[in-house]
Amino acid sequence: MTVIDEYLNKIEATKKNELERIRAIVHTTVPEVEETIDYGMPAFKYKGKYLIGFYVYKNHMSLFPTSEPINSLKSKLGNYKLSKGTIQFSMDNIIPESLIRKLLLYRIDNIDRL
C-alpha cells in the first residue's frame, strides 16, 4: 500500500474513484512518477521534482499543477475556479483526461528544462 492509497482509503467512494482516475492518467502519461505526500496532500514527483497533486475538500476537489501550466492553459480552464497553482472541480464538472494530460506534459517540459 502506498501513501496515496492510505489517503484515498479515507475518501468517500465517488470522489475516491475520481481521484483514482486522475492517478491512472498520471501513471499512464508519466510511468516513471513517484507517489508521495507533499504539503499534506497526495502528489507525484517526476525526476525528484513536484509534478502535480490533488486533494479532497468538503465542497470540491482540487488539482495542483502549479501556476505556470494554469496560466498557459487558462483559456481551456474557463469552467473551473482557479487560483494560483490550483484548479477546483467537482463531480459535476470533472477535468477531462485530455486537459490533465496537457497540464502534465507542460509540467514535464518545465522540469526537463531545469
PDB file of N, CA and C in Angstrom:
ATOM      1  N   MET A   1       0.840  -1.179   0.000  1.00  0.00           N
ATOM      2  CA  MET A   1       0.000   0.000   0.000  1.00  0.00           C
ATOM      3  C   MET A   1       0.889   1.247   0.000  1.00  0.00           C
ATOM      4  N   THR A   2       0.586   2.197  -0.890  1.00  0.00           N
ATOM      5  CA  THR A   2       1.365   3.426  -0.970  1.00  0.00           C
ATOM      6  C   THR A   2       0.748   4.512  -0.098  1.00  0.00           C
ATOM      7  N   VAL A   3       1.465   5.612   0.043  1.00  0.00           N
ATOM      8  CA  VAL A   3       0.947   6.727   0.837  1.00  0.00           C
ATOM      9  C   VAL A   3      -0.316   7.305   0.205  1.00  0.00           C
ATOM     10  N   ILE A   4      -0.414   7.258  -1.105  1.00  0.00           N
ATOM     11  CA  ILE A   4      -1.636   7.744  -1.766  1.00  0.00           C
ATOM     12  C   ILE A   4      -2.788   6.785  -1.510  1.00  0.00           C
ATOM     13  N   ASP A   5      -2.524   5.480  -1.503  1.00  0.00           N
ATOM     14  CA  ASP A   5      -3.574   4.516  -1.157  1.00  0.00           C
ATOM     15  C   ASP A   5      -4.129   4.804   0.232  1.00  0.00           C
ATOM     16  N   GLU A   6      -3.245   5.078   1.180  1.00  0.00           N
ATOM     17  CA  GLU A   6      -3.671   5.375   2.549  1.00  0.00           C
ATOM     18  C   GLU A   6      -4.582   6.594   2.578  1.00  0.00           C
ATOM     19  N   TYR A   7      -4.246   7.636   1.815  1.00  0.00           N
ATOM     20  CA  TYR A   7      -5.084   8.830   1.737  1.00  0.00           C
ATOM     21  C   TYR A   7      -6.436   8.488   1.103  1.00  0.00           C
ATOM     22  N   LEU A   8      -6.412   7.801  -0.030  1.00  0.00           N
ATOM     23  CA  LEU A   8      -7.646   7.506  -0.764  1.00  0.00           C
ATOM     24  C   LEU A   8      -8.588   6.597   0.011  1.00  0.00           C
ATOM     25  N   ASN A   9      -8.061   5.742   0.850  1.00  0.00           N
ATOM     26  CA  ASN A   9      -8.909   4.847   1.634  1.00  0.00           C
ATOM     27  C   ASN A   9      -9.788   5.590   2.632  1.00  0.00           C
ATOM     28  N   LYS A  10      -9.493   6.849   2.879  1.00  0.00           N
ATOM     29  CA  LYS A  10     -10.281   7.667   3.814  1.00  0.00           C
ATOM     30  C   LYS A  10     -11.321   8.521   3.092  1.00  0.00           C
ATOM     31  N   ILE A  11     -11.363   8.446   1.769  1.00  0.00           N
ATOM     32  CA  ILE A  11     -12.227   9.308   0.955  1.00  0.00           C
ATOM     33  C   ILE A  11     -13.498   8.562   0.561  1.00  0.00           C
ATOM     34  N   GLU A  12     -14.601   9.298   0.493  1.00  0.00           N
ATOM     35  CA  GLU A  12     -15.891   8.765   0.043  1.00  0.00           C
ATOM     36  C   GLU A  12     -15.729   8.166  -1.358  1.00  0.00           C
ATOM     37  N   ALA A  13     -16.415   7.074  -1.628  1.00  0.00           N
ATOM     38  CA  ALA A  13     -16.194   6.245  -2.812  1.00  0.00           C
ATOM     39  C   ALA A  13     -16.251   7.000  -4.139  1.00  0.00           C
ATOM     40  N   THR A  14     -17.237   7.855  -4.347  1.00  0.00           N
ATOM     41  CA  THR A  14     -17.362   8.556  -5.629  1.00  0.00           C
ATOM     42  C   THR A  14     -16.160   9.451  -5.876  1.00  0.00           C
ATOM     43  N   LYS A  15     -15.774  10.218  -4.866  1.00  0.00           N
ATOM     44  CA  LYS A  15     -14.611  11.104  -5.017  1.00  0.00           C
ATOM     45  C   LYS A  15     -13.326  10.288  -5.113  1.00  0.00           C
ATOM     46  N   LYS A  16     -13.265   9.206  -4.384  1.00  0.00           N
ATOM     47  CA  LYS A  16     -12.098   8.325  -4.463  1.00  0.00           C
ATOM     48  C   LYS A  16     -11.933   7.810  -5.886  1.00  0.00           C
ATOM     49  N   ASN A  17     -13.023   7.396  -6.517  1.00  0.00           N
ATOM     50  CA  ASN A  17     -12.962   6.901  -7.889  1.00  0.00           C
ATOM     51  C   ASN A  17     -12.451   7.969  -8.851  1.00  0.00           C
ATOM     52  N   GLU A  18     -12.878   9.201  -8.631  1.00  0.00           N
ATOM     53  CA  GLU A  18     -12.408  10.298  -9.488  1.00  0.00           C
ATOM     54  C   GLU A  18     -10.908  10.523  -9.301  1.00  0.00           C
ATOM     55  N   LEU A  19     -10.451  10.522  -8.068  1.00  0.00           N
ATOM     56  CA  LEU A  19      -9.020  10.712  -7.831  1.00  0.00           C
ATOM     57  C   LEU A  19      -8.208   9.524  -8.350  1.00  0.00           C
ATOM     58  N   GLU A  20      -8.775   8.329  -8.292  1.00  0.00           N
ATOM     59  CA  GLU A  20      -8.113   7.160  -8.878  1.00  0.00           C
ATOM     60  C   GLU A  20      -8.008   7.305 -10.397  1.00  0.00           C
ATOM     61  N   ARG A  21      -9.024   7.905 -11.000  1.00  0.00           N
ATOM     62  CA  ARG A  21      -8.988   8.158 -12.449  1.00  0.00           C
ATOM     63  C   ARG A  21      -7.829   9.105 -12.771  1.00  0.00           C
ATOM     64  N   ILE A  22      -7.710  10.179 -11.990  1.00  0.00           N
ATOM     65  CA  ILE A  22      -6.622  11.132 -12.202  1.00  0.00           C
ATOM     66  C   ILE A  22      -5.276  10.448 -11.972  1.00  0.00           C
ATOM     67  N   ARG A  23      -5.194   9.667 -10.935  1.00  0.00           N
ATOM     68  CA  ARG A  23      -3.960   8.926 -10.627  1.00  0.00           C
ATOM     69  C   ARG A  23      -3.558   8.033 -11.803  1.00  0.00           C
ATOM     70  N   ALA A  24      -4.513   7.344 -12.375  1.00  0.00           N
ATOM     71  CA  ALA A  24      -4.238   6.466 -13.521  1.00  0.00           C
ATOM     72  C   ALA A  24      -3.757   7.275 -14.721  1.00  0.00           C
ATOM     73  N   ILE A  25      -4.348   8.437 -14.943  1.00  0.00           N
ATOM     74  CA  ILE A  25      -3.911   9.306 -16.044  1.00  0.00           C
ATOM     75  C   ILE A  25      -2.459   9.736 -15.827  1.00  0.00           C
ATOM     76  N   VAL A  26      -2.130  10.098 -14.593  1.00  0.00           N
ATOM     77  CA  VAL A  26      -0.755  10.494 -14.285  1.00  0.00           C
ATOM     78  C   VAL A  26       0.202   9.344 -14.582  1.00  0.00           C
ATOM     79  N   HIS A  27      -0.131   8.144 -14.109  1.00  0.00           N
ATOM     80  CA  HIS A  27       0.751   6.990 -14.312  1.00  0.00           C
ATOM     81  C   HIS A  27       0.862   6.586 -15.777  1.00  0.00           C
ATOM     82  N   THR A  28      -0.216   6.714 -16.519  1.00  0.00           N
ATOM     83  CA  THR A  28      -0.186   6.384 -17.942  1.00  0.00           C
ATOM     84  C   THR A  28       0.641   7.402 -18.720  1.00  0.00           C
ATOM     85  N   THR A  29       0.497   8.659 -18.368  1.00  0.00           N
ATOM     86  CA  THR A  29       1.200   9.734 -19.065  1.00  0.00           C
ATOM     87  C   THR A  29       2.675   9.784 -18.675  1.00  0.00           C
ATOM     88  N   VAL A  30       2.956   9.519 -17.393  1.00  0.00           N
ATOM     89  CA  VAL A  30       4.318   9.627 -16.864  1.00  0.00           C
ATOM     90  C   VAL A  30       4.613   8.372 -16.034  1.00  0.00           C
ATOM     91  N   PRO A  31       4.906   7.243 -16.687  1.00  0.00           N
ATOM     92  CA  PRO A  31       5.061   5.980 -15.960  1.00  0.00           C
ATOM     93  C   PRO A  31       6.132   5.995 -14.862  1.00  0.00           C
ATOM     94  N   GLU A  32       7.116   6.864 -14.983  1.00  0.00           N
ATOM     95  CA  GLU A  32       8.207   6.882 -14.014  1.00  0.00           C
ATOM     96  C   GLU A  32       7.945   7.774 -12.798  1.00  0.00           C
ATOM     97  N   VAL A  33       6.719   8.257 -12.602  1.00  0.00           N
ATOM     98  CA  VAL A  33       6.437   9.129 -11.457  1.00  0.00           C
ATOM     99  C   VAL A  33       6.611   8.389 -10.137  1.00  0.00           C
ATOM    100  N   GLU A  34       6.873   9.180  -9.116  1.00  0.00           N
ATOM    101  CA  GLU A  34       6.970   8.685  -7.751  1.00  0.00           C
ATOM    102  C   GLU A  34       5.776   9.241  -6.979  1.00  0.00           C
ATOM    103  N   GLU A  35       5.074   8.376  -6.266  1.00  0.00           N
ATOM    104  CA  GLU A  35       3.951   8.818  -5.438  1.00  0.00           C
ATOM    105  C   GLU A  35       4.482   9.252  -4.078  1.00  0.00           C
ATOM    106  N   THR A  36       3.933  10.351  -3.567  1.00  0.00           N
ATOM    107  CA  THR A  36       4.391  10.891  -2.302  1.00  0.00           C
ATOM    108  C   THR A  36       3.277  11.705  -1.651  1.00  0.00           C
ATOM    109  N   ILE A  37       3.515  12.139  -0.449  1.00  0.00           N
ATOM    110  CA  ILE A  37       2.658  13.134   0.200  1.00  0.00           C
ATOM    111  C   ILE A  37       3.514  14.392   0.311  1.00  0.00           C
ATOM    112  N   ASP A  38       3.026  15.480  -0.226  1.00  0.00           N
ATOM    113  CA  ASP A  38       3.759  16.737  -0.230  1.00  0.00           C
ATOM    114  C   ASP A  38       2.827  17.826   0.290  1.00  0.00           C
ATOM    115  N   TYR A  39       3.271  18.544   1.301  1.00  0.00           N
ATOM    116  CA  TYR A  39       2.425  19.552   1.957  1.00  0.00           C
ATOM    117  C   TYR A  39       1.097  18.947   2.418  1.00  0.00           C
ATOM    118  N   GLY A  40       1.126  17.703   2.859  1.00  0.00           N
ATOM    119  CA  GLY A  40      -0.044  17.033   3.399  1.00  0.00           C
ATOM    120  C   GLY A  40      -1.023  16.504   2.370  1.00  0.00           C
ATOM    121  N   MET A  41      -0.668  16.584   1.082  1.00  0.00           N
ATOM    122  CA  MET A  41      -1.591  16.100   0.051  1.00  0.00           C
ATOM    123  C   MET A  41      -0.906  15.076  -0.841  1.00  0.00           C
ATOM    124  N   PRO A  42      -1.697  14.191  -1.438  1.00  0.00           N
ATOM    125  CA  PRO A  42      -1.143  13.241  -2.398  1.00  0.00           C
ATOM    126  C   PRO A  42      -0.523  13.997  -3.574  1.00  0.00           C
ATOM    127  N   ALA A  43       0.672  13.591  -3.936  1.00  0.00           N
ATOM    128  CA  ALA A  43       1.375  14.278  -5.014  1.00  0.00           C
ATOM    129  C   ALA A  43       2.223  13.279  -5.791  1.00  0.00           C
ATOM    130  N   PHE A  44       2.672  13.728  -6.928  1.00  0.00           N
ATOM    131  CA  PHE A  44       3.515  12.925  -7.797  1.00  0.00           C
ATOM    132  C   PHE A  44       4.768  13.727  -8.115  1.00  0.00           C
ATOM    133  N   LYS A  45       5.896  13.051  -8.115  1.00  0.00           N
ATOM    134  CA  LYS A  45       7.162  13.687  -8.464  1.00  0.00           C
ATOM    135  C   LYS A  45       7.713  13.040  -9.726  1.00  0.00           C
ATOM    136  N   TYR A  46       8.348  13.868 -10.509  1.00  0.00           N
ATOM    137  CA  TYR A  46       8.996  13.455 -11.745  1.00  0.00           C
ATOM    138  C   TYR A  46      10.442  13.913 -11.675  1.00  0.00           C
ATOM    139  N   LYS A  47      11.369  12.991 -11.802  1.00  0.00           N
ATOM    140  CA  LYS A  47      12.795  13.292 -11.681  1.00  0.00           C
ATOM    141  C   LYS A  47      13.102  14.010 -10.369  1.00  0.00           C
ATOM    142  N   GLY A  48      12.391  13.609  -9.308  1.00  0.00           N
ATOM    143  CA  GLY A  48      12.607  14.187  -7.987  1.00  0.00           C
ATOM    144  C   GLY A  48      11.969  15.539  -7.770  1.00  0.00           C
ATOM    145  N   LYS A  49      11.280  16.068  -8.763  1.00  0.00           N
ATOM    146  CA  LYS A  49      10.640  17.391  -8.679  1.00  0.00           C
ATOM    147  C   LYS A  49       9.117  17.227  -8.631  1.00  0.00           C
ATOM    148  N   TYR A  50       8.464  18.129  -7.906  1.00  0.00           N
ATOM    149  CA  TYR A  50       6.997  18.121  -7.809  1.00  0.00           C
ATOM    150  C   TYR A  50       6.399  18.235  -9.205  1.00  0.00           C
ATOM    151  N   LEU A  51       5.461  17.332  -9.513  1.00  0.00           N
ATOM    152  CA  LEU A  51       4.781  17.329 -10.809  1.00  0.00           C
ATOM    153  C   LEU A  51       3.358  17.848 -10.676  1.00  0.00           C
ATOM    154  N   ILE A  52       2.563  17.181  -9.831  1.00  0.00           N
ATOM    155  CA  ILE A  52       1.145  17.532  -9.672  1.00  0.00           C
ATOM    156  C   ILE A  52       0.636  16.860  -8.400  1.00  0.00           C
ATOM    157  N   GLY A  53      -0.417  17.430  -7.825  1.00  0.00           N
ATOM    158  CA  GLY A  53      -1.035  16.836  -6.649  1.00  0.00           C
ATOM    159  C   GLY A  53      -2.538  17.036  -6.683  1.00  0.00           C
ATOM    160  N   PHE A  54      -3.230  16.382  -5.754  1.00  0.00           N
ATOM    161  CA  PHE A  54      -4.676  16.568  -5.648  1.00  0.00           C
ATOM    162  C   PHE A  54      -5.109  16.459  -4.201  1.00  0.00           C
ATOM    163  N   TYR A  55      -6.332  16.924  -3.930  1.00  0.00           N
ATOM    164  CA  TYR A  55      -6.845  16.904  -2.562  1.00  0.00           C
ATOM    165  C   TYR A  55      -8.366  17.015  -2.598  1.00  0.00           C
ATOM    166  N   VAL A  56      -9.018  16.414  -1.609  1.00  0.00           N
ATOM    167  CA  VAL A  56     -10.474  16.498  -1.482  1.00  0.00           C
ATOM    168  C   VAL A  56     -10.804  17.461  -0.343  1.00  0.00           C
ATOM    169  N   TYR A  57     -11.691  18.378  -0.624  1.00  0.00           N
ATOM    170  CA  TYR A  57     -12.222  19.300   0.376  1.00  0.00           C
ATOM    171  C   TYR A  57     -13.695  18.980   0.564  1.00  0.00           C
ATOM    172  N   LYS A  58     -14.324  19.637   1.507  1.00  0.00           N
ATOM    173  CA  LYS A  58     -15.726  19.353   1.806  1.00  0.00           C
ATOM    174  C   LYS A  58     -16.625  19.564   0.588  1.00  0.00           C
ATOM    175  N   ASN A  59     -16.453  20.680  -0.110  1.00  0.00           N
ATOM    176  CA  ASN A  59     -17.365  21.030  -1.204  1.00  0.00           C
ATOM    177  C   ASN A  59     -16.768  20.937  -2.600  1.00  0.00           C
ATOM    178  N   HIS A  60     -15.524  20.526  -2.702  1.00  0.00           N
ATOM    179  CA  HIS A  60     -14.885  20.418  -4.016  1.00  0.00           C
ATOM    180  C   HIS A  60     -13.622  19.568  -3.908  1.00  0.00           C
ATOM    181  N   MET A  61     -13.020  19.330  -5.048  1.00  0.00           N
ATOM    182  CA  MET A  61     -11.707  18.698  -5.120  1.00  0.00           C
ATOM    183  C   MET A  61     -10.788  19.681  -5.832  1.00  0.00           C
ATOM    184  N   SER A  62      -9.503  19.540  -5.618  1.00  0.00           N
ATOM    185  CA  SER A  62      -8.553  20.428  -6.280  1.00  0.00           C
ATOM    186  C   SER A  62      -7.420  19.631  -6.895  1.00  0.00           C
ATOM    187  N   LEU A  63      -6.963  20.142  -8.019  1.00  0.00           N
ATOM    188  CA  LEU A  63      -5.783  19.639  -8.696  1.00  0.00           C
ATOM    189  C   LEU A  63      -4.740  20.746  -8.607  1.00  0.00           C
ATOM    190  N   PHE A  64      -3.502  20.388  -8.283  1.00  0.00           N
ATOM    191  CA  PHE A  64      -2.441  21.367  -8.067  1.00  0.00           C
ATOM    192  C   PHE A  64      -1.292  21.134  -9.053  1.00  0.00           C
ATOM    193  N   PRO A  65      -1.400  21.691 -10.273  1.00  0.00           N
ATOM    194  CA  PRO A  65      -0.343  21.501 -11.264  1.00  0.00           C
ATOM    195  C   PRO A  65       0.724  22.599 -11.239  1.00  0.00           C
ATOM    196  N   THR A  66       0.682  23.497 -10.308  1.00  0.00           N
ATOM    197  CA  THR A  66       1.484  24.720 -10.179  1.00  0.00           C
ATOM    198  C   THR A  66       0.893  25.809 -11.074  1.00  0.00           C
ATOM    199  N   SER A  67       1.362  27.020 -10.920  1.00  0.00           N
ATOM    200  CA  SER A  67       0.739  28.158 -11.603  1.00  0.00           C
ATOM    201  C   SER A  67       1.076  28.257 -13.085  1.00  0.00           C
ATOM    202  N   GLU A  68       2.257  27.825 -13.508  1.00  0.00           N
ATOM    203  CA  GLU A  68       2.654  28.009 -14.906  1.00  0.00           C
ATOM    204  C   GLU A  68       1.740  27.288 -15.903  1.00  0.00           C
ATOM    205  N   PRO A  69       1.430  25.996 -15.688  1.00  0.00           N
ATOM    206  CA  PRO A  69       0.530  25.358 -16.650  1.00  0.00           C
ATOM    207  C   PRO A  69      -0.875  25.949 -16.619  1.00  0.00           C
ATOM    208  N   ILE A  70      -1.305  26.397 -15.443  1.00  0.00           N
ATOM    209  CA  ILE A  70      -2.633  27.019 -15.357  1.00  0.00           C
ATOM    210  C   ILE A  70      -2.645  28.296 -16.185  1.00  0.00           C
ATOM    211  N   ASN A  71      -1.625  29.130 -16.032  1.00  0.00           N
ATOM    212  CA  ASN A  71      -1.560  30.367 -16.807  1.00  0.00           C
ATOM    213  C   ASN A  71      -1.498  30.080 -18.300  1.00  0.00           C
ATOM    214  N   SER A  72      -0.753  29.070 -18.688  1.00  0.00           N
ATOM    215  CA  SER A  72      -0.600  28.731 -20.094  1.00  0.00           C
ATOM    216  C   SER A  72      -1.894  28.187 -20.709  1.00  0.00           C
ATOM    217  N   LEU A  73      -2.648  27.413 -19.914  1.00  0.00           N
ATOM    218  CA  LEU A  73      -3.863  26.771 -20.431  1.00  0.00           C
ATOM    219  C   LEU A  73      -5.149  27.431 -19.935  1.00  0.00           C
ATOM    220  N   LYS A  74      -5.039  28.656 -19.452  1.00  0.00           N
ATOM    221  CA  LYS A  74      -6.180  29.352 -18.843  1.00  0.00           C
ATOM    222  C   LYS A  74      -7.415  29.381 -19.751  1.00  0.00           C
ATOM    223  N   SER A  75      -7.224  29.535 -21.037  1.00  0.00           N
ATOM    224  CA  SER A  75      -8.362  29.606 -21.955  1.00  0.00           C
ATOM    225  C   SER A  75      -9.147  28.294 -22.003  1.00  0.00           C
ATOM    226  N   LYS A  76      -8.495  27.186 -21.672  1.00  0.00           N
ATOM    227  CA  LYS A  76      -9.155  25.882 -21.667  1.00  0.00           C
ATOM    228  C   LYS A  76      -9.724  25.536 -20.283  1.00  0.00           C
ATOM    229  N   LEU A  77      -9.455  26.382 -19.289  1.00  0.00           N
ATOM    230  CA  LEU A  77      -9.865  26.111 -17.915  1.00  0.00           C
ATOM    231  C   LEU A  77     -10.998  27.022 -17.445  1.00  0.00           C
ATOM    232  N   GLY A  78     -11.707  27.619 -18.384  1.00  0.00           N
ATOM    233  CA  GLY A  78     -12.753  28.580 -18.049  1.00  0.00           C
ATOM    234  C   GLY A  78     -13.904  28.029 -17.219  1.00  0.00           C
ATOM    235  N   ASN A  79     -14.106  26.708 -17.220  1.00  0.00           N
ATOM    236  CA  ASN A  79     -15.221  26.106 -16.480  1.00  0.00           C
ATOM    237  C   ASN A  79     -14.884  25.800 -15.029  1.00  0.00           C
ATOM    238  N   TYR A  80     -13.680  26.176 -14.584  1.00  0.00           N
ATOM    239  CA  TYR A  80     -13.227  25.819 -13.241  1.00  0.00           C
ATOM    240  C   TYR A  80     -12.824  27.058 -12.468  1.00  0.00           C
ATOM    241  N   LYS A  81     -12.947  26.972 -11.160  1.00  0.00           N
ATOM    242  CA  LYS A  81     -12.460  28.036 -10.300  1.00  0.00           C
ATOM    243  C   LYS A  81     -10.948  27.870 -10.186  1.00  0.00           C
ATOM    244  N   LEU A  82     -10.223  28.938 -10.482  1.00  0.00           N
ATOM    245  CA  LEU A  82      -8.770  28.890 -10.482  1.00  0.00           C
ATOM    246  C   LEU A  82      -8.204  29.827  -9.432  1.00  0.00           C
ATOM    247  N   SER A  83      -7.120  29.423  -8.850  1.00  0.00           N
ATOM    248  CA  SER A  83      -6.314  30.317  -8.037  1.00  0.00           C
ATOM    249  C   SER A  83      -4.870  29.942  -8.300  1.00  0.00           C
ATOM    250  N   LYS A  84      -3.950  30.659  -7.720  1.00  0.00           N
ATOM    251  CA  LYS A  84      -2.542  30.417  -8.021  1.00  0.00           C
ATOM    252  C   LYS A  84      -2.171  28.950  -7.781  1.00  0.00           C
ATOM    253  N   GLY A  85      -1.922  28.231  -8.856  1.00  0.00           N
ATOM    254  CA  GLY A  85      -1.495  26.850  -8.752  1.00  0.00           C
ATOM    255  C   GLY A  85      -2.587  25.830  -8.520  1.00  0.00           C
ATOM    256  N   THR A  86      -3.864  26.263  -8.507  1.00  0.00           N
ATOM    257  CA  THR A  86      -4.965  25.371  -8.128  1.00  0.00           C
ATOM    258  C   THR A  86      -6.114  25.430  -9.127  1.00  0.00           C
ATOM    259  N   ILE A  87      -6.658  24.252  -9.429  1.00  0.00           N
ATOM    260  CA  ILE A  87      -7.880  24.132 -10.230  1.00  0.00           C
ATOM    261  C   ILE A  87      -8.901  23.412  -9.361  1.00  0.00           C
ATOM    262  N   GLN A  88     -10.000  24.082  -9.047  1.00  0.00           N
ATOM    263  CA  GLN A  88     -11.065  23.454  -8.268  1.00  0.00           C
ATOM    264  C   GLN A  88     -12.076  22.833  -9.222  1.00  0.00           C
ATOM    265  N   PHE A  89     -12.517  21.633  -8.859  1.00  0.00           N
ATOM    266  CA  PHE A  89     -13.508  20.952  -9.682  1.00  0.00           C
ATOM    267  C   PHE A  89     -14.437  20.136  -8.788  1.00  0.00           C
ATOM    268  N   SER A  90     -15.497  19.625  -9.388  1.00  0.00           N
ATOM    269  CA  SER A  90     -16.484  18.833  -8.640  1.00  0.00           C
ATOM    270  C   SER A  90     -16.841  17.599  -9.460  1.00  0.00           C
ATOM    271  N   MET A  91     -17.616  16.735  -8.860  1.00  0.00           N
ATOM    272  CA  MET A  91     -18.063  15.543  -9.581  1.00  0.00           C
ATOM    273  C   MET A  91     -18.977  15.923 -10.748  1.00  0.00           C
ATOM    274  N   ASP A  92     -19.621  17.075 -10.671  1.00  0.00           N
ATOM    275  CA  ASP A  92     -20.470  17.555 -11.754  1.00  0.00           C
ATOM    276  C   ASP A  92     -19.662  18.222 -12.860  1.00  0.00           C
ATOM    277  N   ASN A  93     -18.400  18.529 -12.577  1.00  0.00           N
ATOM    278  CA  ASN A  93     -17.569  19.246 -13.528  1.00  0.00           C
ATOM    279  C   ASN A  93     -16.124  18.751 -13.410  1.00  0.00           C
ATOM    280  N   ILE A  94     -15.909  17.484 -13.790  1.00  0.00           N
ATOM    281  CA  ILE A  94     -14.572  16.894 -13.677  1.00  0.00           C
ATOM    282  C   ILE A  94     -13.658  17.449 -14.773  1.00  0.00           C
ATOM    283  N   ILE A  95     -12.370  17.301 -14.569  1.00  0.00           N
ATOM    284  CA  ILE A  95     -11.388  17.762 -15.551  1.00  0.00           C
ATOM    285  C   ILE A  95     -11.174  16.632 -16.564  1.00  0.00           C
ATOM    286  N   PRO A  96     -11.369  16.920 -17.838  1.00  0.00           N
ATOM    287  CA  PRO A  96     -11.219  15.872 -18.854  1.00  0.00           C
ATOM    288  C   PRO A  96      -9.781  15.331 -18.913  1.00  0.00           C
ATOM    289  N   GLU A  97      -9.677  14.075 -19.289  1.00  0.00           N
ATOM    290  CA  GLU A  97      -8.368  13.428 -19.393  1.00  0.00           C
ATOM    291  C   GLU A  97      -7.419  14.202 -20.304  1.00  0.00           C
ATOM    292  N   SER A  98      -7.916  14.689 -21.426  1.00  0.00           N
ATOM    293  CA  SER A  98      -7.053  15.414 -22.366  1.00  0.00           C
ATOM    294  C   SER A  98      -6.452  16.662 -21.724  1.00  0.00           C
ATOM    295  N   LEU A  99      -7.201  17.332 -20.892  1.00  0.00           N
ATOM    296  CA  LEU A  99      -6.705  18.538 -20.227  1.00  0.00           C
ATOM    297  C   LEU A  99      -5.705  18.185 -19.128  1.00  0.00           C
ATOM    298  N   ILE A 100      -5.956  17.124 -18.407  1.00  0.00           N
ATOM    299  CA  ILE A 100      -4.999  16.669 -17.386  1.00  0.00           C
ATOM    300  C   ILE A 100      -3.679  16.307 -18.053  1.00  0.00           C
ATOM    301  N   ARG A 101      -3.744  15.624 -19.173  1.00  0.00           N
ATOM    302  CA  ARG A 101      -2.520  15.258 -19.902  1.00  0.00           C
ATOM    303  C   ARG A 101      -1.750  16.508 -20.346  1.00  0.00           C
ATOM    304  N   LYS A 102      -2.457  17.525 -20.819  1.00  0.00           N
ATOM    305  CA  LYS A 102      -1.794  18.764 -21.241  1.00  0.00           C
ATOM    306  C   LYS A 102      -1.100  19.435 -20.055  1.00  0.00           C
ATOM    307  N   LEU A 103      -1.763  19.449 -18.906  1.00  0.00           N
ATOM    308  CA  LEU A 103      -1.146  20.015 -17.703  1.00  0.00           C
ATOM    309  C   LEU A 103       0.116  19.243 -17.336  1.00  0.00           C
ATOM    310  N   LEU A 104       0.035  17.914 -17.389  1.00  0.00           N
ATOM    311  CA  LEU A 104       1.183  17.077 -17.057  1.00  0.00           C
ATOM    312  C   LEU A 104       2.337  17.305 -18.034  1.00  0.00           C
ATOM    313  N   LEU A 105       2.038  17.329 -19.309  1.00  0.00           N
ATOM    314  CA  LEU A 105       3.084  17.499 -20.310  1.00  0.00           C
ATOM    315  C   LEU A 105       3.738  18.875 -20.193  1.00  0.00           C
ATOM    316  N   TYR A 106       2.965  19.872 -19.839  1.00  0.00           N
ATOM    317  CA  TYR A 106       3.530  21.202 -19.616  1.00  0.00           C
ATOM    318  C   TYR A 106       4.508  21.167 -18.447  1.00  0.00           C
ATOM    319  N   ARG A 107       4.089  20.520 -17.341  1.00  0.00           N
ATOM    320  CA  ARG A 107       4.971  20.407 -16.160  1.00  0.00           C
ATOM    321  C   ARG A 107       6.226  19.607 -16.491  1.00  0.00           C
ATOM    322  N   ILE A 108       6.087  18.511 -17.213  1.00  0.00           N
ATOM    323  CA  ILE A 108       7.237  17.702 -17.584  1.00  0.00           C
ATOM    324  C   ILE A 108       8.234  18.536 -18.390  1.00  0.00           C
ATOM    325  N   ASP A 109       7.721  19.291 -19.334  1.00  0.00           N
ATOM    326  CA  ASP A 109       8.581  20.152 -20.154  1.00  0.00           C
ATOM    327  C   ASP A 109       9.324  21.150 -19.262  1.00  0.00           C
ATOM    328  N   ASN A 110       8.629  21.754 -18.299  1.00  0.00           N
ATOM    329  CA  ASN A 110       9.284  22.699 -17.375  1.00  0.00           C
ATOM    330  C   ASN A 110      10.377  22.017 -16.576  1.00  0.00           C
ATOM    331  N   ILE A 111      10.076  20.849 -16.049  1.00  0.00           N
ATOM    332  CA  ILE A 111      11.056  20.117 -15.226  1.00  0.00           C
ATOM    333  C   ILE A 111      12.250  19.700 -16.067  1.00  0.00           C
ATOM    334  N   ASP A 112      12.011  19.226 -17.275  1.00  0.00           N
ATOM    335  CA  ASP A 112      13.101  18.780 -18.147  1.00  0.00           C
ATOM    336  C   ASP A 112      14.032  19.933 -18.536  1.00  0.00           C
ATOM    337  N   ARG A 113      13.540  21.155 -18.506  1.00  0.00           N
ATOM    338  CA  ARG A 113      14.367  22.322 -18.850  1.00  0.00           C
ATOM    339  C   ARG A 113      15.239  22.791 -17.702  1.00  0.00           C
ATOM    340  N   LEU A 114      14.960  22.305 -16.483  1.00  0.00           N
ATOM    341  CA  LEU A 114      15.741  22.740 -15.319  1.00  0.00           C
ATOM    342  C   LEU A 114      17.171  22.237 -15.366  1.00  0.00           C
TER     343      LEU A 114
END
